[in-house]
């Protein structure tokens, strides 16, 4: 799953880079913190599992967290979609990584 996320994110970044729509300083700033957060999370999981030998309980707790997050994301997406449809304003997409200069 992590590899597919990495490849998807990298391919999206390369498309924006090729189109000239990527602000490099933002990409490096957020990429660095994403890398540090990912490394810290993986290290913490391995540390806790090895130290306390609670693989099944830990995996179950992570599963509950992921399912809860997925439910929250779906709820917000459905709520936003219904709100836009009810307002009749149409969809407006903006690029937060656009270079302004």
PDB file of N, CA and C in Angstrom:
ATOM      1  N   UNK A   1       0.821  -1.179   0.000  1.00  0.00           N
ATOM      2  CA  UNK A   1       0.000   0.000   0.000  1.00  0.00           C
ATOM      3  C   UNK A   1       0.878   1.260   0.000  1.00  0.00           C
ATOM      4  N   UNK A   2       1.936   1.223   0.766  1.00  0.00           N
ATOM      5  CA  UNK A   2       2.829   2.378   0.832  1.00  0.00           C
ATOM      6  C   UNK A   2       3.500   2.634  -0.506  1.00  0.00           C
ATOM      7  N   UNK A   3       3.886   1.568  -1.189  1.00  0.00           N
ATOM      8  CA  UNK A   3       4.535   1.723  -2.491  1.00  0.00           C
ATOM      9  C   UNK A   3       3.565   2.336  -3.499  1.00  0.00           C
ATOM     10  N   UNK A   4       2.303   1.898  -3.470  1.00  0.00           N
ATOM     11  CA  UNK A   4       1.338   2.458  -4.422  1.00  0.00           C
ATOM     12  C   UNK A   4       1.079   3.940  -4.119  1.00  0.00           C
ATOM     13  N   UNK A   5       1.042   4.316  -2.835  1.00  0.00           N
ATOM     14  CA  UNK A   5       0.901   5.732  -2.486  1.00  0.00           C
ATOM     15  C   UNK A   5       2.100   6.541  -2.960  1.00  0.00           C
ATOM     16  N   UNK A   6       3.286   5.997  -2.771  1.00  0.00           N
ATOM     17  CA  UNK A   6       4.494   6.688  -3.203  1.00  0.00           C
ATOM     18  C   UNK A   6       4.509   6.878  -4.712  1.00  0.00           C
ATOM     19  N   UNK A   7       4.197   5.831  -5.451  1.00  0.00           N
ATOM     20  CA  UNK A   7       4.207   5.920  -6.911  1.00  0.00           C
ATOM     21  C   UNK A   7       3.128   6.872  -7.425  1.00  0.00           C
ATOM     22  N   UNK A   8       1.950   6.829  -6.825  1.00  0.00           N
ATOM     23  CA  UNK A   8       0.874   7.728  -7.243  1.00  0.00           C
ATOM     24  C   UNK A   8       1.215   9.180  -6.973  1.00  0.00           C
ATOM     25  N   UNK A   9       1.765   9.451  -5.804  1.00  0.00           N
ATOM     26  CA  UNK A   9       2.149  10.822  -5.465  1.00  0.00           C
ATOM     27  C   UNK A   9       3.282  11.314  -6.349  1.00  0.00           C
ATOM     28  N   UNK A  10       4.259  10.461  -6.575  1.00  0.00           N
ATOM     29  CA  UNK A  10       5.400  10.855  -7.409  1.00  0.00           C
ATOM     30  C   UNK A  10       4.963  11.111  -8.849  1.00  0.00           C
ATOM     31  N   UNK A  11       4.091  10.264  -9.375  1.00  0.00           N
ATOM     32  CA  UNK A  11       3.653  10.472 -10.760  1.00  0.00           C
ATOM     33  C   UNK A  11       2.841  11.754 -10.883  1.00  0.00           C
ATOM     34  N   UNK A  12       2.005  12.050  -9.894  1.00  0.00           N
ATOM     35  CA  UNK A  12       1.260  13.306  -9.910  1.00  0.00           C
ATOM     36  C   UNK A  12       2.186  14.508  -9.845  1.00  0.00           C
ATOM     37  N   UNK A  13       3.207  14.421  -9.003  1.00  0.00           N
ATOM     38  CA  UNK A  13       4.171  15.524  -8.887  1.00  0.00           C
ATOM     39  C   UNK A  13       4.938  15.716 -10.184  1.00  0.00           C
ATOM     40  N   UNK A  14       5.311  14.620 -10.847  1.00  0.00           N
ATOM     41  CA  UNK A  14       6.036  14.742 -12.112  1.00  0.00           C
ATOM     42  C   UNK A  14       5.164  15.350 -13.207  1.00  0.00           C
ATOM     43  N   UNK A  15       3.876  15.034 -13.209  1.00  0.00           N
ATOM     44  CA  UNK A  15       2.970  15.634 -14.193  1.00  0.00           C
ATOM     45  C   UNK A  15       2.892  17.138 -13.973  1.00  0.00           C
ATOM     46  N   UNK A  16       2.703  17.560 -12.716  1.00  0.00           N
ATOM     47  CA  UNK A  16       2.657  18.997 -12.432  1.00  0.00           C
ATOM     48  C   UNK A  16       3.987  19.671 -12.762  1.00  0.00           C
ATOM     49  N   UNK A  17       5.102  18.975 -12.483  1.00  0.00           N
ATOM     50  CA  UNK A  17       6.409  19.535 -12.803  1.00  0.00           C
ATOM     51  C   UNK A  17       6.576  19.707 -14.308  1.00  0.00           C
ATOM     52  N   UNK A  18       6.169  18.709 -15.072  1.00  0.00           N
ATOM     53  CA  UNK A  18       6.292  18.783 -16.531  1.00  0.00           C
ATOM     54  C   UNK A  18       5.416  19.886 -17.116  1.00  0.00           C
ATOM     55  N   UNK A  19       4.281  20.151 -16.479  1.00  0.00           N
ATOM     56  CA  UNK A  19       3.384  21.196 -16.958  1.00  0.00           C
ATOM     57  C   UNK A  19       3.778  22.578 -16.451  1.00  0.00           C
ATOM     58  N   UNK A  20       4.776  22.643 -15.578  1.00  0.00           N
ATOM     59  CA  UNK A  20       5.208  23.911 -15.022  1.00  0.00           C
ATOM     60  C   UNK A  20       4.260  24.473 -13.981  1.00  0.00           C
ATOM     61  N   UNK A  21       3.467  23.606 -13.359  1.00  0.00           N
ATOM     62  CA  UNK A  21       2.473  24.041 -12.387  1.00  0.00           C
ATOM     63  C   UNK A  21       2.841  23.651 -10.962  1.00  0.00           C
ATOM     64  N   UNK A  22       4.101  23.379 -10.711  1.00  0.00           N
ATOM     65  CA  UNK A  22       4.526  22.935  -9.389  1.00  0.00           C
ATOM     66  C   UNK A  22       5.447  23.962  -8.760  1.00  0.00           C
ATOM     67  N   UNK A  23       5.114  24.387  -7.582  1.00  0.00           N
ATOM     68  CA  UNK A  23       5.968  25.292  -6.822  1.00  0.00           C
ATOM     69  C   UNK A  23       6.981  24.422  -6.071  1.00  0.00           C
ATOM     70  N   UNK A  24       8.214  24.438  -6.506  1.00  0.00           N
ATOM     71  CA  UNK A  24       9.243  23.541  -5.983  1.00  0.00           C
ATOM     72  C   UNK A  24       9.466  23.743  -4.484  1.00  0.00           C
ATOM     73  N   UNK A  25       9.461  24.977  -4.008  1.00  0.00           N
ATOM     74  CA  UNK A  25       9.718  25.206  -2.578  1.00  0.00           C
ATOM     75  C   UNK A  25       8.617  24.583  -1.715  1.00  0.00           C
ATOM     76  N   UNK A  26       7.359  24.672  -2.145  1.00  0.00           N
ATOM     77  CA  UNK A  26       6.270  24.017  -1.405  1.00  0.00           C
ATOM     78  C   UNK A  26       6.446  22.503  -1.441  1.00  0.00           C
ATOM     79  N   UNK A  27       6.751  21.979  -2.611  1.00  0.00           N
ATOM     80  CA  UNK A  27       6.897  20.531  -2.761  1.00  0.00           C
ATOM     81  C   UNK A  27       8.003  19.996  -1.864  1.00  0.00           C
ATOM     82  N   UNK A  28       9.140  20.674  -1.835  1.00  0.00           N
ATOM     83  CA  UNK A  28      10.245  20.217  -0.991  1.00  0.00           C
ATOM     84  C   UNK A  28       9.915  20.345   0.495  1.00  0.00           C
ATOM     85  N   UNK A  29       9.267  21.443   0.875  1.00  0.00           N
ATOM     86  CA  UNK A  29       8.910  21.662   2.278  1.00  0.00           C
ATOM     87  C   UNK A  29       7.953  20.576   2.772  1.00  0.00           C
ATOM     88  N   UNK A  30       6.846  20.383   2.049  1.00  0.00           N
ATOM     89  CA  UNK A  30       5.864  19.392   2.475  1.00  0.00           C
ATOM     90  C   UNK A  30       6.373  17.970   2.268  1.00  0.00           C
ATOM     91  N   UNK A  31       7.156  17.741   1.249  1.00  0.00           N
ATOM     92  CA  UNK A  31       7.735  16.413   1.034  1.00  0.00           C
ATOM     93  C   UNK A  31       8.675  16.013   2.147  1.00  0.00           C
ATOM     94  N   UNK A  32       9.481  16.969   2.629  1.00  0.00           N
ATOM     95  CA  UNK A  32      10.401  16.671   3.721  1.00  0.00           C
ATOM     96  C   UNK A  32       9.644  16.267   4.979  1.00  0.00           C
ATOM     97  N   UNK A  33       8.613  17.020   5.318  1.00  0.00           N
ATOM     98  CA  UNK A  33       7.858  16.687   6.523  1.00  0.00           C
ATOM     99  C   UNK A  33       7.036  15.409   6.356  1.00  0.00           C
ATOM    100  N   UNK A  34       6.563  15.130   5.159  1.00  0.00           N
ATOM    101  CA  UNK A  34       5.872  13.869   4.905  1.00  0.00           C
ATOM    102  C   UNK A  34       6.831  12.695   5.057  1.00  0.00           C
ATOM    103  N   UNK A  35       8.048  12.851   4.558  1.00  0.00           N
ATOM    104  CA  UNK A  35       9.057  11.805   4.695  1.00  0.00           C
ATOM    105  C   UNK A  35       9.411  11.564   6.156  1.00  0.00           C
ATOM    106  N   UNK A  36       9.624  12.640   6.902  1.00  0.00           N
ATOM    107  CA  UNK A  36       9.928  12.503   8.329  1.00  0.00           C
ATOM    108  C   UNK A  36       8.769  11.875   9.094  1.00  0.00           C
ATOM    109  N   UNK A  37       7.546  12.281   8.784  1.00  0.00           N
ATOM    110  CA  UNK A  37       6.379  11.702   9.447  1.00  0.00           C
ATOM    111  C   UNK A  37       6.206  10.231   9.127  1.00  0.00           C
ATOM    112  N   UNK A  38       6.428   9.867   7.886  1.00  0.00           N
ATOM    113  CA  UNK A  38       6.322   8.457   7.497  1.00  0.00           C
ATOM    114  C   UNK A  38       7.373   7.613   8.198  1.00  0.00           C
ATOM    115  N   UNK A  39       8.592   8.092   8.195  1.00  0.00           N
ATOM    116  CA  UNK A  39       9.664   7.348   8.848  1.00  0.00           C
ATOM    117  C   UNK A  39       9.392   7.195  10.350  1.00  0.00           C
ATOM    118  N   UNK A  40       8.966   8.276  10.990  1.00  0.00           N
ATOM    119  CA  UNK A  40       8.678   8.224  12.423  1.00  0.00           C
ATOM    120  C   UNK A  40       7.541   7.255  12.710  1.00  0.00           C
ATOM    121  N   UNK A  41       6.491   7.270  11.889  1.00  0.00           N
ATOM    122  CA  UNK A  41       5.371   6.356  12.094  1.00  0.00           C
ATOM    123  C   UNK A  41       5.771   4.906  11.955  1.00  0.00           C
ATOM    124  N   UNK A  42       6.530   4.582  10.926  1.00  0.00           N
ATOM    125  CA  UNK A  42       6.972   3.195  10.727  1.00  0.00           C
ATOM    126  C   UNK A  42       7.893   2.762  11.859  1.00  0.00           C
ATOM    127  N   UNK A  43       8.811   3.623  12.253  1.00  0.00           N
ATOM    128  CA  UNK A  43       9.714   3.297  13.351  1.00  0.00           C
ATOM    129  C   UNK A  43       8.930   3.052  14.641  1.00  0.00           C
ATOM    130  N   UNK A  44       7.927   3.889  14.905  1.00  0.00           N
ATOM    131  CA  UNK A  44       7.153   3.750  16.129  1.00  0.00           C
ATOM    132  C   UNK A  44       6.367   2.435  16.152  1.00  0.00           C
ATOM    133  N   UNK A  45       5.781   2.063  15.015  1.00  0.00           N
ATOM    134  CA  UNK A  45       5.033   0.807  14.952  1.00  0.00           C
ATOM    135  C   UNK A  45       5.957  -0.367  15.231  1.00  0.00           C
ATOM    136  N   UNK A  46       7.101  -0.415  14.571  1.00  0.00           N
ATOM    137  CA  UNK A  46       8.033  -1.526  14.809  1.00  0.00           C
ATOM    138  C   UNK A  46       8.528  -1.535  16.249  1.00  0.00           C
ATOM    139  N   UNK A  47       8.808  -0.385  16.803  1.00  0.00           N
ATOM    140  CA  UNK A  47       9.275  -0.303  18.188  1.00  0.00           C
ATOM    141  C   UNK A  47       8.227  -0.841  19.154  1.00  0.00           C
ATOM    142  N   UNK A  48       6.986  -0.401  19.000  1.00  0.00           N
ATOM    143  CA  UNK A  48       5.931  -0.835  19.925  1.00  0.00           C
ATOM    144  C   UNK A  48       5.630  -2.317  19.798  1.00  0.00           C
ATOM    145  N   UNK A  49       5.603  -2.821  18.564  1.00  0.00           N
ATOM    146  CA  UNK A  49       5.319  -4.243  18.371  1.00  0.00           C
ATOM    147  C   UNK A  49       6.441  -5.100  18.954  1.00  0.00           C
ATOM    148  N   UNK A  50       7.685  -4.733  18.717  1.00  0.00           N
ATOM    149  CA  UNK A  50       8.810  -5.517  19.239  1.00  0.00           C
ATOM    150  C   UNK A  50       8.927  -5.415  20.755  1.00  0.00           C
ATOM    151  N   UNK A  51       8.692  -4.259  21.294  1.00  0.00           N
ATOM    152  CA  UNK A  51       8.867  -4.078  22.739  1.00  0.00           C
ATOM    153  C   UNK A  51       7.769  -4.756  23.546  1.00  0.00           C
ATOM    154  N   UNK A  52       6.515  -4.599  23.123  1.00  0.00           N
ATOM    155  CA  UNK A  52       5.402  -5.105  23.928  1.00  0.00           C
ATOM    156  C   UNK A  52       4.812  -6.406  23.411  1.00  0.00           C
ATOM    157  N   UNK A  53       5.252  -6.891  22.265  1.00  0.00           N
ATOM    158  CA  UNK A  53       4.800  -8.159  21.700  1.00  0.00           C
ATOM    159  C   UNK A  53       3.270  -8.242  21.636  1.00  0.00           C
ATOM    160  N   UNK A  54       2.653  -7.220  21.125  1.00  0.00           N
ATOM    161  CA  UNK A  54       1.198  -7.166  21.036  1.00  0.00           C
ATOM    162  C   UNK A  54       0.786  -6.954  19.582  1.00  0.00           C
ATOM    163  N   UNK A  55       1.240  -7.800  18.717  1.00  0.00           N
ATOM    164  CA  UNK A  55       0.988  -7.632  17.291  1.00  0.00           C
ATOM    165  C   UNK A  55      -0.493  -7.595  16.967  1.00  0.00           C
ATOM    166  N   UNK A  56      -1.257  -8.585  17.432  1.00  0.00           N
ATOM    167  CA  UNK A  56      -2.673  -8.673  17.065  1.00  0.00           C
ATOM    168  C   UNK A  56      -3.450  -7.475  17.603  1.00  0.00           C
ATOM    169  N   UNK A  57      -3.232  -7.112  18.841  1.00  0.00           N
ATOM    170  CA  UNK A  57      -3.952  -5.987  19.433  1.00  0.00           C
ATOM    171  C   UNK A  57      -3.574  -4.681  18.746  1.00  0.00           C
ATOM    172  N   UNK A  58      -2.311  -4.533  18.442  1.00  0.00           N
ATOM    173  CA  UNK A  58      -1.840  -3.312  17.797  1.00  0.00           C
ATOM    174  C   UNK A  58      -2.401  -3.191  16.380  1.00  0.00           C
ATOM    175  N   UNK A  59      -2.391  -4.277  15.644  1.00  0.00           N
ATOM    176  CA  UNK A  59      -2.936  -4.267  14.289  1.00  0.00           C
ATOM    177  C   UNK A  59      -4.438  -3.986  14.337  1.00  0.00           C
ATOM    178  N   UNK A  60      -5.136  -4.555  15.308  1.00  0.00           N
ATOM    179  CA  UNK A  60      -6.566  -4.299  15.451  1.00  0.00           C
ATOM    180  C   UNK A  60      -6.823  -2.824  15.744  1.00  0.00           C
ATOM    181  N   UNK A  61      -6.034  -2.222  16.625  1.00  0.00           N
ATOM    182  CA  UNK A  61      -6.201  -0.804  16.957  1.00  0.00           C
ATOM    183  C   UNK A  61      -5.928   0.075  15.733  1.00  0.00           C
ATOM    184  N   UNK A  62      -4.890  -0.248  14.962  1.00  0.00           N
ATOM    185  CA  UNK A  62      -4.611   0.504  13.741  1.00  0.00           C
ATOM    186  C   UNK A  62      -5.750   0.370  12.733  1.00  0.00           C
ATOM    187  N   UNK A  63      -6.315  -0.822  12.636  1.00  0.00           N
ATOM    188  CA  UNK A  63      -7.427  -1.044  11.721  1.00  0.00           C
ATOM    189  C   UNK A  63      -8.629  -0.196  12.119  1.00  0.00           C
ATOM    190  N   UNK A  64      -8.919  -0.134  13.406  1.00  0.00           N
ATOM    191  CA  UNK A  64     -10.027   0.698  13.887  1.00  0.00           C
ATOM    192  C   UNK A  64      -9.769   2.165  13.543  1.00  0.00           C
ATOM    193  N   UNK A  65      -8.548   2.623  13.729  1.00  0.00           N
ATOM    194  CA  UNK A  65      -8.211   4.022  13.396  1.00  0.00           C
ATOM    195  C   UNK A  65      -8.392   4.290  11.914  1.00  0.00           C
ATOM    196  N   UNK A  66      -7.912   3.388  11.058  1.00  0.00           N
ATOM    197  CA  UNK A  66      -8.025   3.587   9.618  1.00  0.00           C
ATOM    198  C   UNK A  66      -9.481   3.558   9.156  1.00  0.00           C
ATOM    199  N   UNK A  67     -10.272   2.646   9.706  1.00  0.00           N
ATOM    200  CA  UNK A  67     -11.679   2.562   9.328  1.00  0.00           C
ATOM    201  C   UNK A  67     -12.424   3.819   9.774  1.00  0.00           C
ATOM    202  N   UNK A  68     -12.113   4.310  10.972  1.00  0.00           N
ATOM    203  CA  UNK A  68     -12.733   5.542  11.455  1.00  0.00           C
ATOM    204  C   UNK A  68     -12.360   6.727  10.568  1.00  0.00           C
ATOM    205  N   UNK A  69     -11.099   6.825  10.186  1.00  0.00           N
ATOM    206  CA  UNK A  69     -10.659   7.906   9.302  1.00  0.00           C
ATOM    207  C   UNK A  69     -11.336   7.804   7.943  1.00  0.00           C
ATOM    208  N   UNK A  70     -11.448   6.606   7.410  1.00  0.00           N
ATOM    209  CA  UNK A  70     -12.118   6.409   6.129  1.00  0.00           C
ATOM    210  C   UNK A  70     -13.576   6.844   6.215  1.00  0.00           C
ATOM    211  N   UNK A  71     -14.246   6.469   7.304  1.00  0.00           N
ATOM    212  CA  UNK A  71     -15.642   6.884   7.490  1.00  0.00           C
ATOM    213  C   UNK A  71     -15.780   8.390   7.553  1.00  0.00           C
ATOM    214  N   UNK A  72     -14.870   9.056   8.256  1.00  0.00           N
ATOM    215  CA  UNK A  72     -14.923  10.517   8.362  1.00  0.00           C
ATOM    216  C   UNK A  72     -14.691  11.174   7.004  1.00  0.00           C
ATOM    217  N   UNK A  73     -13.746  10.653   6.237  1.00  0.00           N
ATOM    218  CA  UNK A  73     -13.462  11.210   4.910  1.00  0.00           C
ATOM    219  C   UNK A  73     -14.664  11.027   3.983  1.00  0.00           C
ATOM    220  N   UNK A  74     -15.272   9.847   4.024  1.00  0.00           N
ATOM    221  CA  UNK A  74     -16.449   9.616   3.182  1.00  0.00           C
ATOM    222  C   UNK A  74     -17.605  10.515   3.584  1.00  0.00           C
ATOM    223  N   UNK A  75     -17.819  10.689   4.882  1.00  0.00           N
ATOM    224  CA  UNK A  75     -18.897  11.558   5.356  1.00  0.00           C
ATOM    225  C   UNK A  75     -18.686  12.998   4.866  1.00  0.00           C
ATOM    226  N   UNK A  76     -17.472  13.505   5.010  1.00  0.00           N
ATOM    227  CA  UNK A  76     -17.185  14.875   4.584  1.00  0.00           C
ATOM    228  C   UNK A  76     -17.331  15.015   3.072  1.00  0.00           C
ATOM    229  N   UNK A  77     -16.860  14.017   2.315  1.00  0.00           N
ATOM    230  CA  UNK A  77     -16.972  14.073   0.856  1.00  0.00           C
ATOM    231  C   UNK A  77     -18.437  14.085   0.420  1.00  0.00           C
ATOM    232  N   UNK A  78     -19.259  13.240   1.025  1.00  0.00           N
ATOM    233  CA  UNK A  78     -20.680  13.200   0.674  1.00  0.00           C
ATOM    234  C   UNK A  78     -21.361  14.505   1.071  1.00  0.00           C
ATOM    235  N   UNK A  79     -21.052  15.013   2.258  1.00  0.00           N
ATOM    236  CA  UNK A  79     -21.644  16.270   2.722  1.00  0.00           C
ATOM    237  C   UNK A  79     -21.266  17.425   1.796  1.00  0.00           C
ATOM    238  N   UNK A  80     -20.006  17.505   1.411  1.00  0.00           N
ATOM    239  CA  UNK A  80     -19.574  18.572   0.515  1.00  0.00           C
ATOM    240  C   UNK A  80     -20.209  18.448  -0.865  1.00  0.00           C
ATOM    241  N   UNK A  81     -20.306  17.234  -1.370  1.00  0.00           N
ATOM    242  CA  UNK A  81     -20.923  17.013  -2.675  1.00  0.00           C
ATOM    243  C   UNK A  81     -22.382  17.441  -2.662  1.00  0.00           C
ATOM    244  N   UNK A  82     -23.124  17.046  -1.631  1.00  0.00           N
ATOM    245  CA  UNK A  82     -24.526  17.431  -1.534  1.00  0.00           C
ATOM    246  C   UNK A  82     -24.675  18.940  -1.356  1.00  0.00           C
ATOM    247  N   UNK A  83     -23.754  19.559  -0.613  1.00  0.00           N
ATOM    248  CA  UNK A  83     -23.799  21.006  -0.427  1.00  0.00           C
ATOM    249  C   UNK A  83     -23.585  21.771  -1.713  1.00  0.00           C
ATOM    250  N   UNK A  84     -22.636  21.324  -2.526  1.00  0.00           N
ATOM    251  CA  UNK A  84     -22.374  21.986  -3.809  1.00  0.00           C
ATOM    252  C   UNK A  84     -23.566  21.794  -4.743  1.00  0.00           C
ATOM    253  N   UNK A  85     -24.118  20.603  -4.762  1.00  0.00           N
ATOM    254  CA  UNK A  85     -25.274  20.348  -5.628  1.00  0.00           C
ATOM    255  C   UNK A  85     -26.477  21.182  -5.193  1.00  0.00           C
ATOM    256  N   UNK A  86     -26.696  21.306  -3.890  1.00  0.00           N
ATOM    257  CA  UNK A  86     -27.832  22.085  -3.387  1.00  0.00           C
ATOM    258  C   UNK A  86     -27.655  23.576  -3.679  1.00  0.00           C
ATOM    259  N   UNK A  87     -26.418  24.063  -3.604  1.00  0.00           N
ATOM    260  CA  UNK A  87     -26.158  25.482  -3.859  1.00  0.00           C
ATOM    261  C   UNK A  87     -26.216  25.811  -5.349  1.00  0.00           C
ATOM    262  N   UNK A  88     -26.008  24.823  -6.196  1.00  0.00           N
ATOM    263  CA  UNK A  88     -26.060  25.033  -7.636  1.00  0.00           C
ATOM    264  C   UNK A  88     -24.954  25.932  -8.167  1.00  0.00           C
ATOM    265  N   UNK A  89     -23.806  25.938  -7.493  1.00  0.00           N
ATOM    266  CA  UNK A  89     -22.711  26.813  -7.923  1.00  0.00           C
ATOM    267  C   UNK A  89     -21.732  26.127  -8.857  1.00  0.00           C
ATOM    268  N   UNK A  90     -21.821  24.829  -9.002  1.00  0.00           N
ATOM    269  CA  UNK A  90     -20.895  24.096  -9.862  1.00  0.00           C
ATOM    270  C   UNK A  90     -19.577  23.835  -9.154  1.00  0.00           C
ATOM    271  N   UNK A  91     -18.742  23.095  -9.803  1.00  0.00           N
ATOM    272  CA  UNK A  91     -17.470  22.707  -9.215  1.00  0.00           C
ATOM    273  C   UNK A  91     -16.376  23.652  -9.661  1.00  0.00           C
ATOM    274  N   UNK A  92     -15.592  24.141  -8.707  1.00  0.00           N
ATOM    275  CA  UNK A  92     -14.468  25.020  -9.000  1.00  0.00           C
ATOM    276  C   UNK A  92     -13.214  24.352  -8.454  1.00  0.00           C
ATOM    277  N   UNK A  93     -12.262  24.090  -9.333  1.00  0.00           N
ATOM    278  CA  UNK A  93     -11.018  23.455  -8.918  1.00  0.00           C
ATOM    279  C   UNK A  93      -9.887  24.470  -9.000  1.00  0.00           C
ATOM    280  N   UNK A  94      -9.103  24.531  -7.951  1.00  0.00           N
ATOM    281  CA  UNK A  94      -7.943  25.417  -7.948  1.00  0.00           C
ATOM    282  C   UNK A  94      -6.706  24.593  -7.635  1.00  0.00           C
ATOM    283  N   UNK A  95      -5.583  25.072  -8.083  1.00  0.00           N
ATOM    284  CA  UNK A  95      -4.323  24.397  -7.862  1.00  0.00           C
ATOM    285  C   UNK A  95      -3.598  25.085  -6.712  1.00  0.00           C
ATOM    286  N   UNK A  96      -3.479  24.424  -5.561  1.00  0.00           N
ATOM    287  CA  UNK A  96      -2.829  25.043  -4.406  1.00  0.00           C
ATOM    288  C   UNK A  96      -1.321  25.105  -4.579  1.00  0.00           C
ATOM    289  N   UNK A  97      -0.787  24.381  -5.550  1.00  0.00           N
ATOM    290  CA  UNK A  97       0.666  24.364  -5.750  1.00  0.00           C
ATOM    291  C   UNK A  97       1.087  25.295  -6.889  1.00  0.00           C
ATOM    292  N   UNK A  98       0.160  26.080  -7.399  1.00  0.00           N
ATOM    293  CA  UNK A  98       0.460  26.944  -8.535  1.00  0.00           C
ATOM    294  C   UNK A  98       1.513  27.974  -8.153  1.00  0.00           C
ATOM    295  N   UNK A  99       2.416  28.192  -9.047  1.00  0.00           N
ATOM    296  CA  UNK A  99       3.476  29.173  -8.806  1.00  0.00           C
ATOM    297  C   UNK A  99       2.910  30.559  -9.054  1.00  0.00           C
ATOM    298  N   UNK A 100       2.985  31.391  -8.026  1.00  0.00           N
ATOM    299  CA  UNK A 100       2.530  32.773  -8.157  1.00  0.00           C
ATOM    300  C   UNK A 100       3.760  33.649  -8.048  1.00  0.00           C
ATOM    301  N   UNK A 101       4.120  34.305  -9.092  1.00  0.00           N
ATOM    302  CA  UNK A 101       5.336  35.084  -9.002  1.00  0.00           C
ATOM    303  C   UNK A 101       5.569  36.006 -10.086  1.00  0.00           C
TER     304      UNK A 101
END
